[in-house]
Amino acid sequence: GAGTARAADHIFKCSRQVDILDMDGFAGWKQGFFMKEVDKKLLFKSDYLRKEAELYIDYISQGDDIEKNKFMCKSLREINEGS
């Protein structure tokens, strides 16, 4: 897939056990390292902006003038502000 919004979740699922070995420390694995839960709002926003970007790219690839379409102008602003 494209994008990185789901990267942390994929890494977490593929790394259920991570051994932390610190040759200079003592029992580093007991320090309690963890990953935060994935922010669902961020995923939702990413999905929304991806769809908006796909619509925008499709629109301009057909040679249409963005200045004549208020929806596309709004979409472009949202995409740029959200990235």
PDB file of N, CA and C in Angstrom:
ATOM      1  N   GLY A   1       0.814  -1.181   0.000  1.00  0.00           N
ATOM      2  CA  GLY A   1       0.000   0.000   0.000  1.00  0.00           C
ATOM      3  C   GLY A   1       0.859   1.246   0.000  1.00  0.00           C
ATOM      4  N   ALA A   2       0.216   2.352  -0.127  1.00  0.00           N
ATOM      5  CA  ALA A   2       0.915   3.634  -0.140  1.00  0.00           C
ATOM      6  C   ALA A   2       0.721   4.350   1.185  1.00  0.00           C
ATOM      7  N   GLY A   3       1.615   5.231   1.496  1.00  0.00           N
ATOM      8  CA  GLY A   3       1.491   6.041   2.693  1.00  0.00           C
ATOM      9  C   GLY A   3       2.066   5.378   3.925  1.00  0.00           C
ATOM     10  N   THR A   4       2.115   6.139   5.006  1.00  0.00           N
ATOM     11  CA  THR A   4       2.727   5.639   6.232  1.00  0.00           C
ATOM     12  C   THR A   4       1.809   5.683   7.441  1.00  0.00           C
ATOM     13  N   ALA A   5       0.560   6.081   7.278  1.00  0.00           N
ATOM     14  CA  ALA A   5      -0.340   6.227   8.419  1.00  0.00           C
ATOM     15  C   ALA A   5      -0.516   4.928   9.191  1.00  0.00           C
ATOM     16  N   ARG A   6      -0.422   3.798   8.521  1.00  0.00           N
ATOM     17  CA  ARG A   6      -0.618   2.513   9.189  1.00  0.00           C
ATOM     18  C   ARG A   6       0.699   1.796   9.502  1.00  0.00           C
ATOM     19  N   ALA A   7       1.816   2.467   9.294  1.00  0.00           N
ATOM     20  CA  ALA A   7       3.124   1.833   9.497  1.00  0.00           C
ATOM     21  C   ALA A   7       3.321   1.354  10.930  1.00  0.00           C
ATOM     22  N   ALA A   8       2.994   2.183  11.911  1.00  0.00           N
ATOM     23  CA  ALA A   8       3.203   1.794  13.310  1.00  0.00           C
ATOM     24  C   ALA A   8       2.399   0.551  13.665  1.00  0.00           C
ATOM     25  N   ASP A   9       1.175   0.477  13.201  1.00  0.00           N
ATOM     26  CA  ASP A   9       0.334  -0.688  13.478  1.00  0.00           C
ATOM     27  C   ASP A   9       0.913  -1.946  12.833  1.00  0.00           C
ATOM     28  N   HIS A  10       1.408  -1.826  11.613  1.00  0.00           N
ATOM     29  CA  HIS A  10       2.019  -2.972  10.933  1.00  0.00           C
ATOM     30  C   HIS A  10       3.286  -3.432  11.666  1.00  0.00           C
ATOM     31  N   ILE A  11       4.089  -2.481  12.104  1.00  0.00           N
ATOM     32  CA  ILE A  11       5.306  -2.821  12.841  1.00  0.00           C
ATOM     33  C   ILE A  11       4.943  -3.526  14.139  1.00  0.00           C
ATOM     34  N   PHE A  12       3.946  -2.999  14.845  1.00  0.00           N
ATOM     35  CA  PHE A  12       3.525  -3.604  16.106  1.00  0.00           C
ATOM     36  C   PHE A  12       3.051  -5.040  15.898  1.00  0.00           C
ATOM     37  N   LYS A  13       2.231  -5.253  14.896  1.00  0.00           N
ATOM     38  CA  LYS A  13       1.705  -6.597  14.646  1.00  0.00           C
ATOM     39  C   LYS A  13       2.803  -7.582  14.245  1.00  0.00           C
ATOM     40  N   CYS A  14       3.819  -7.092  13.560  1.00  0.00           N
ATOM     41  CA  CYS A  14       4.919  -7.969  13.135  1.00  0.00           C
ATOM     42  C   CYS A  14       5.976  -8.139  14.221  1.00  0.00           C
ATOM     43  N   SER A  15       5.889  -7.359  15.270  1.00  0.00           N
ATOM     44  CA  SER A  15       6.926  -7.368  16.312  1.00  0.00           C
ATOM     45  C   SER A  15       6.316  -7.624  17.684  1.00  0.00           C
ATOM     46  N   ARG A  16       5.551  -8.655  17.816  1.00  0.00           N
ATOM     47  CA  ARG A  16       4.909  -8.942  19.106  1.00  0.00           C
ATOM     48  C   ARG A  16       5.929  -9.127  20.224  1.00  0.00           C
ATOM     49  N   GLN A  17       7.091  -9.607  19.889  1.00  0.00           N
ATOM     50  CA  GLN A  17       8.137  -9.755  20.899  1.00  0.00           C
ATOM     51  C   GLN A  17       9.403  -9.101  20.379  1.00  0.00           C
ATOM     52  N   VAL A  18       9.863  -8.132  21.133  1.00  0.00           N
ATOM     53  CA  VAL A  18      11.115  -7.472  20.795  1.00  0.00           C
ATOM     54  C   VAL A  18      12.021  -7.602  22.012  1.00  0.00           C
ATOM     55  N   ASP A  19      13.151  -8.224  21.846  1.00  0.00           N
ATOM     56  CA  ASP A  19      14.108  -8.369  22.940  1.00  0.00           C
ATOM     57  C   ASP A  19      15.051  -7.180  22.922  1.00  0.00           C
ATOM     58  N   ILE A  20      15.138  -6.492  24.054  1.00  0.00           N
ATOM     59  CA  ILE A  20      16.012  -5.337  24.160  1.00  0.00           C
ATOM     60  C   ILE A  20      17.247  -5.767  24.938  1.00  0.00           C
ATOM     61  N   LEU A  21      18.366  -5.782  24.271  1.00  0.00           N
ATOM     62  CA  LEU A  21      19.628  -6.181  24.886  1.00  0.00           C
ATOM     63  C   LEU A  21      20.542  -4.970  24.924  1.00  0.00           C
ATOM     64  N   ASP A  22      20.888  -4.572  26.119  1.00  0.00           N
ATOM     65  CA  ASP A  22      21.796  -3.449  26.310  1.00  0.00           C
ATOM     66  C   ASP A  22      23.001  -3.970  27.087  1.00  0.00           C
ATOM     67  N   MET A  23      24.114  -4.080  26.418  1.00  0.00           N
ATOM     68  CA  MET A  23      25.313  -4.640  27.045  1.00  0.00           C
ATOM     69  C   MET A  23      25.825  -3.770  28.194  1.00  0.00           C
ATOM     70  N   ASP A  24      25.499  -2.480  28.193  1.00  0.00           N
ATOM     71  CA  ASP A  24      25.969  -1.581  29.247  1.00  0.00           C
ATOM     72  C   ASP A  24      24.965  -1.440  30.383  1.00  0.00           C
ATOM     73  N   GLY A  25      23.759  -1.920  30.186  1.00  0.00           N
ATOM     74  CA  GLY A  25      22.723  -1.758  31.195  1.00  0.00           C
ATOM     75  C   GLY A  25      22.405  -3.067  31.886  1.00  0.00           C
ATOM     76  N   PHE A  26      21.515  -2.983  32.838  1.00  0.00           N
ATOM     77  CA  PHE A  26      21.109  -4.170  33.577  1.00  0.00           C
ATOM     78  C   PHE A  26      19.627  -4.431  33.321  1.00  0.00           C
ATOM     79  N   ALA A  27      19.336  -5.589  32.793  1.00  0.00           N
ATOM     80  CA  ALA A  27      17.951  -6.033  32.582  1.00  0.00           C
ATOM     81  C   ALA A  27      17.118  -4.973  31.857  1.00  0.00           C
ATOM     82  N   GLY A  28      17.605  -4.528  30.710  1.00  0.00           N
ATOM     83  CA  GLY A  28      16.896  -3.508  29.939  1.00  0.00           C
ATOM     84  C   GLY A  28      15.484  -3.896  29.573  1.00  0.00           C
ATOM     85  N   TRP A  29      15.243  -5.175  29.449  1.00  0.00           N
ATOM     86  CA  TRP A  29      13.908  -5.645  29.076  1.00  0.00           C
ATOM     87  C   TRP A  29      12.884  -5.380  30.167  1.00  0.00           C
ATOM     88  N   LYS A  30      13.346  -5.096  31.392  1.00  0.00           N
ATOM     89  CA  LYS A  30      12.425  -4.828  32.504  1.00  0.00           C
ATOM     90  C   LYS A  30      11.999  -3.362  32.564  1.00  0.00           C
ATOM     91  N   GLN A  31      12.534  -2.532  31.693  1.00  0.00           N
ATOM     92  CA  GLN A  31      12.246  -1.103  31.754  1.00  0.00           C
ATOM     93  C   GLN A  31      10.865  -0.747  31.216  1.00  0.00           C
ATOM     94  N   GLY A  32      10.209  -1.666  30.567  1.00  0.00           N
ATOM     95  CA  GLY A  32       8.827  -1.434  30.155  1.00  0.00           C
ATOM     96  C   GLY A  32       8.645  -0.590  28.912  1.00  0.00           C
ATOM     97  N   PHE A  33       9.445  -0.799  27.905  1.00  0.00           N
ATOM     98  CA  PHE A  33       9.239  -0.081  26.645  1.00  0.00           C
ATOM     99  C   PHE A  33       7.927  -0.542  26.021  1.00  0.00           C
ATOM    100  N   PHE A  34       7.231   0.369  25.394  1.00  0.00           N
ATOM    101  CA  PHE A  34       5.953   0.028  24.784  1.00  0.00           C
ATOM    102  C   PHE A  34       5.664   0.953  23.620  1.00  0.00           C
ATOM    103  N   MET A  35       4.649   0.593  22.844  1.00  0.00           N
ATOM    104  CA  MET A  35       4.183   1.445  21.744  1.00  0.00           C
ATOM    105  C   MET A  35       2.811   1.985  22.110  1.00  0.00           C
ATOM    106  N   LYS A  36       2.588   3.240  21.798  1.00  0.00           N
ATOM    107  CA  LYS A  36       1.262   3.821  21.993  1.00  0.00           C
ATOM    108  C   LYS A  36       0.281   3.171  21.028  1.00  0.00           C
ATOM    109  N   GLU A  37      -0.994   3.208  21.396  1.00  0.00           N
ATOM    110  CA  GLU A  37      -2.015   2.700  20.482  1.00  0.00           C
ATOM    111  C   GLU A  37      -2.122   3.620  19.273  1.00  0.00           C
ATOM    112  N   VAL A  38      -2.552   3.051  18.174  1.00  0.00           N
ATOM    113  CA  VAL A  38      -2.706   3.815  16.941  1.00  0.00           C
ATOM    114  C   VAL A  38      -3.843   4.823  17.112  1.00  0.00           C
ATOM    115  N   ASP A  39      -3.612   6.043  16.678  1.00  0.00           N
ATOM    116  CA  ASP A  39      -4.611   7.107  16.763  1.00  0.00           C
ATOM    117  C   ASP A  39      -5.641   6.909  15.652  1.00  0.00           C
ATOM    118  N   LYS A  40      -6.848   6.508  16.027  1.00  0.00           N
ATOM    119  CA  LYS A  40      -7.904   6.225  15.042  1.00  0.00           C
ATOM    120  C   LYS A  40      -8.295   7.475  14.261  1.00  0.00           C
ATOM    121  N   LYS A  41      -8.242   8.638  14.908  1.00  0.00           N
ATOM    122  CA  LYS A  41      -8.565   9.889  14.214  1.00  0.00           C
ATOM    123  C   LYS A  41      -7.563  10.154  13.090  1.00  0.00           C
ATOM    124  N   LEU A  42      -6.300   9.849  13.369  1.00  0.00           N
ATOM    125  CA  LEU A  42      -5.262  10.039  12.358  1.00  0.00           C
ATOM    126  C   LEU A  42      -5.494   9.119  11.166  1.00  0.00           C
ATOM    127  N   LEU A  43      -5.868   7.868  11.428  1.00  0.00           N
ATOM    128  CA  LEU A  43      -6.149   6.929  10.341  1.00  0.00           C
ATOM    129  C   LEU A  43      -7.348   7.384   9.517  1.00  0.00           C
ATOM    130  N   PHE A  44      -8.394   7.839  10.193  1.00  0.00           N
ATOM    131  CA  PHE A  44      -9.586   8.323   9.494  1.00  0.00           C
ATOM    132  C   PHE A  44      -9.242   9.517   8.611  1.00  0.00           C
ATOM    133  N   LYS A  45      -8.471  10.459   9.172  1.00  0.00           N
ATOM    134  CA  LYS A  45      -8.073  11.646   8.412  1.00  0.00           C
ATOM    135  C   LYS A  45      -7.215  11.250   7.215  1.00  0.00           C
ATOM    136  N   SER A  46      -6.302  10.313   7.421  1.00  0.00           N
ATOM    137  CA  SER A  46      -5.440   9.849   6.337  1.00  0.00           C
ATOM    138  C   SER A  46      -6.258   9.225   5.215  1.00  0.00           C
ATOM    139  N   ASP A  47      -7.215   8.377   5.576  1.00  0.00           N
ATOM    140  CA  ASP A  47      -8.072   7.741   4.568  1.00  0.00           C
ATOM    141  C   ASP A  47      -8.876   8.777   3.791  1.00  0.00           C
ATOM    142  N   TYR A  48      -9.434   9.742   4.523  1.00  0.00           N
ATOM    143  CA  TYR A  48     -10.235  10.791   3.896  1.00  0.00           C
ATOM    144  C   TYR A  48      -9.387  11.611   2.917  1.00  0.00           C
ATOM    145  N   LEU A  49      -8.213  12.048   3.374  1.00  0.00           N
ATOM    146  CA  LEU A  49      -7.357  12.873   2.518  1.00  0.00           C
ATOM    147  C   LEU A  49      -6.833  12.093   1.323  1.00  0.00           C
ATOM    148  N   ARG A  50      -6.591  10.795   1.506  1.00  0.00           N
ATOM    149  CA  ARG A  50      -6.141   9.963   0.381  1.00  0.00           C
ATOM    150  C   ARG A  50      -7.215   9.932  -0.703  1.00  0.00           C
ATOM    151  N   LYS A  51      -8.473   9.744  -0.304  1.00  0.00           N
ATOM    152  CA  LYS A  51      -9.572   9.723  -1.284  1.00  0.00           C
ATOM    153  C   LYS A  51      -9.712  11.081  -1.964  1.00  0.00           C
ATOM    154  N   GLU A  52      -9.595  12.146  -1.173  1.00  0.00           N
ATOM    155  CA  GLU A  52      -9.662  13.488  -1.748  1.00  0.00           C
ATOM    156  C   GLU A  52      -8.539  13.684  -2.776  1.00  0.00           C
ATOM    157  N   ALA A  53      -7.342  13.241  -2.441  1.00  0.00           N
ATOM    158  CA  ALA A  53      -6.200  13.384  -3.352  1.00  0.00           C
ATOM    159  C   ALA A  53      -6.411  12.570  -4.626  1.00  0.00           C
ATOM    160  N   GLU A  54      -6.966  11.365  -4.484  1.00  0.00           N
ATOM    161  CA  GLU A  54      -7.238  10.538  -5.665  1.00  0.00           C
ATOM    162  C   GLU A  54      -8.247  11.217  -6.583  1.00  0.00           C
ATOM    163  N   LEU A  55      -9.292  11.790  -5.997  1.00  0.00           N
ATOM    164  CA  LEU A  55     -10.289  12.512  -6.801  1.00  0.00           C
ATOM    165  C   LEU A  55      -9.659  13.717  -7.501  1.00  0.00           C
ATOM    166  N   TYR A  56      -8.826  14.444  -6.756  1.00  0.00           N
ATOM    167  CA  TYR A  56      -8.170  15.624  -7.318  1.00  0.00           C
ATOM    168  C   TYR A  56      -7.243  15.238  -8.476  1.00  0.00           C
ATOM    169  N   ILE A  57      -6.432  14.220  -8.273  1.00  0.00           N
ATOM    170  CA  ILE A  57      -5.503  13.775  -9.325  1.00  0.00           C
ATOM    171  C   ILE A  57      -6.270  13.322 -10.559  1.00  0.00           C
ATOM    172  N   ASP A  58      -7.354  12.592 -10.350  1.00  0.00           N
ATOM    173  CA  ASP A  58      -8.183  12.153 -11.472  1.00  0.00           C
ATOM    174  C   ASP A  58      -8.752  13.361 -12.220  1.00  0.00           C
ATOM    175  N   TYR A  59      -9.210  14.346 -11.464  1.00  0.00           N
ATOM    176  CA  TYR A  59      -9.803  15.548 -12.055  1.00  0.00           C
ATOM    177  C   TYR A  59      -8.794  16.293 -12.925  1.00  0.00           C
ATOM    178  N   ILE A  60      -7.612  16.558 -12.380  1.00  0.00           N
ATOM    179  CA  ILE A  60      -6.638  17.338 -13.155  1.00  0.00           C
ATOM    180  C   ILE A  60      -6.002  16.516 -14.275  1.00  0.00           C
ATOM    181  N   SER A  61      -5.973  15.188 -14.127  1.00  0.00           N
ATOM    182  CA  SER A  61      -5.390  14.360 -15.192  1.00  0.00           C
ATOM    183  C   SER A  61      -6.267  14.349 -16.440  1.00  0.00           C
ATOM    184  N   GLN A  62      -7.532  14.730 -16.271  1.00  0.00           N
ATOM    185  CA  GLN A  62      -8.440  14.823 -17.414  1.00  0.00           C
ATOM    186  C   GLN A  62      -8.360  16.191 -18.084  1.00  0.00           C
ATOM    187  N   GLY A  63      -7.476  17.042 -17.550  1.00  0.00           N
ATOM    188  CA  GLY A  63      -7.273  18.352 -18.150  1.00  0.00           C
ATOM    189  C   GLY A  63      -8.286  19.392 -17.718  1.00  0.00           C
ATOM    190  N   ASP A  64      -9.076  19.082 -16.695  1.00  0.00           N
ATOM    191  CA  ASP A  64     -10.076  20.041 -16.226  1.00  0.00           C
ATOM    192  C   ASP A  64      -9.407  21.174 -15.450  1.00  0.00           C
ATOM    193  N   ASP A  65     -10.040  22.344 -15.496  1.00  0.00           N
ATOM    194  CA  ASP A  65      -9.512  23.543 -14.845  1.00  0.00           C
ATOM    195  C   ASP A  65      -9.992  23.586 -13.399  1.00  0.00           C
ATOM    196  N   ILE A  66      -9.056  23.554 -12.477  1.00  0.00           N
ATOM    197  CA  ILE A  66      -9.407  23.536 -11.055  1.00  0.00           C
ATOM    198  C   ILE A  66     -10.096  24.822 -10.614  1.00  0.00           C
ATOM    199  N   GLU A  67      -9.739  25.932 -11.217  1.00  0.00           N
ATOM    200  CA  GLU A  67     -10.321  27.220 -10.837  1.00  0.00           C
ATOM    201  C   GLU A  67     -11.827  27.270 -11.090  1.00  0.00           C
ATOM    202  N   LYS A  68     -12.324  26.409 -11.947  1.00  0.00           N
ATOM    203  CA  LYS A  68     -13.752  26.392 -12.279  1.00  0.00           C
ATOM    204  C   LYS A  68     -14.552  25.447 -11.383  1.00  0.00           C
ATOM    205  N   ASN A  69     -13.889  24.776 -10.451  1.00  0.00           N
ATOM    206  CA  ASN A  69     -14.565  23.801  -9.612  1.00  0.00           C
ATOM    207  C   ASN A  69     -14.274  24.109  -8.140  1.00  0.00           C
ATOM    208  N   LYS A  70     -15.265  24.679  -7.433  1.00  0.00           N
ATOM    209  CA  LYS A  70     -15.085  25.068  -6.032  1.00  0.00           C
ATOM    210  C   LYS A  70     -14.792  23.863  -5.137  1.00  0.00           C
ATOM    211  N   PHE A  71     -15.414  22.735  -5.435  1.00  0.00           N
ATOM    212  CA  PHE A  71     -15.181  21.527  -4.643  1.00  0.00           C
ATOM    213  C   PHE A  71     -13.719  21.096  -4.733  1.00  0.00           C
ATOM    214  N   MET A  72     -13.160  21.134  -5.938  1.00  0.00           N
ATOM    215  CA  MET A  72     -11.765  20.736  -6.119  1.00  0.00           C
ATOM    216  C   MET A  72     -10.816  21.736  -5.459  1.00  0.00           C
ATOM    217  N   CYS A  73     -11.152  23.015  -5.498  1.00  0.00           N
ATOM    218  CA  CYS A  73     -10.336  24.025  -4.816  1.00  0.00           C
ATOM    219  C   CYS A  73     -10.317  23.760  -3.312  1.00  0.00           C
ATOM    220  N   LYS A  74     -11.493  23.442  -2.767  1.00  0.00           N
ATOM    221  CA  LYS A  74     -11.607  23.120  -1.344  1.00  0.00           C
ATOM    222  C   LYS A  74     -10.830  21.847  -1.021  1.00  0.00           C
ATOM    223  N   SER A  75     -10.943  20.850  -1.865  1.00  0.00           N
ATOM    224  CA  SER A  75     -10.223  19.592  -1.653  1.00  0.00           C
ATOM    225  C   SER A  75      -8.719  19.817  -1.640  1.00  0.00           C
ATOM    226  N   LEU A  76      -8.234  20.610  -2.578  1.00  0.00           N
ATOM    227  CA  LEU A  76      -6.803  20.880  -2.653  1.00  0.00           C
ATOM    228  C   LEU A  76      -6.313  21.565  -1.376  1.00  0.00           C
ATOM    229  N   ARG A  77      -7.075  22.523  -0.867  1.00  0.00           N
ATOM    230  CA  ARG A  77      -6.699  23.192   0.384  1.00  0.00           C
ATOM    231  C   ARG A  77      -6.640  22.188   1.536  1.00  0.00           C
ATOM    232  N   GLU A  78      -7.662  21.334   1.638  1.00  0.00           N
ATOM    233  CA  GLU A  78      -7.704  20.342   2.718  1.00  0.00           C
ATOM    234  C   GLU A  78      -6.528  19.370   2.623  1.00  0.00           C
ATOM    235  N   ILE A  79      -6.222  18.941   1.414  1.00  0.00           N
ATOM    236  CA  ILE A  79      -5.113  17.997   1.211  1.00  0.00           C
ATOM    237  C   ILE A  79      -3.799  18.643   1.640  1.00  0.00           C
ATOM    238  N   ASN A  80      -3.565  19.866   1.195  1.00  0.00           N
ATOM    239  CA  ASN A  80      -2.310  20.550   1.521  1.00  0.00           C
ATOM    240  C   ASN A  80      -2.193  20.866   3.007  1.00  0.00           C
ATOM    241  N   GLU A  81      -3.297  21.240   3.643  1.00  0.00           N
ATOM    242  CA  GLU A  81      -3.271  21.546   5.072  1.00  0.00           C
ATOM    243  C   GLU A  81      -3.120  20.279   5.912  1.00  0.00           C
ATOM    244  N   GLY A  82      -3.622  19.177   5.399  1.00  0.00           N
ATOM    245  CA  GLY A  82      -3.599  17.935   6.163  1.00  0.00           C
ATOM    246  C   GLY A  82      -2.329  17.144   6.031  1.00  0.00           C
ATOM    247  N   SER A  83      -1.479  17.519   5.089  1.00  0.00           N
ATOM    248  CA  SER A  83      -0.264  16.719   4.883  1.00  0.00           C
ATOM    249  C   SER A  83       0.914  17.277   5.634  1.00  0.00           C
TER     250      SER A  83
END
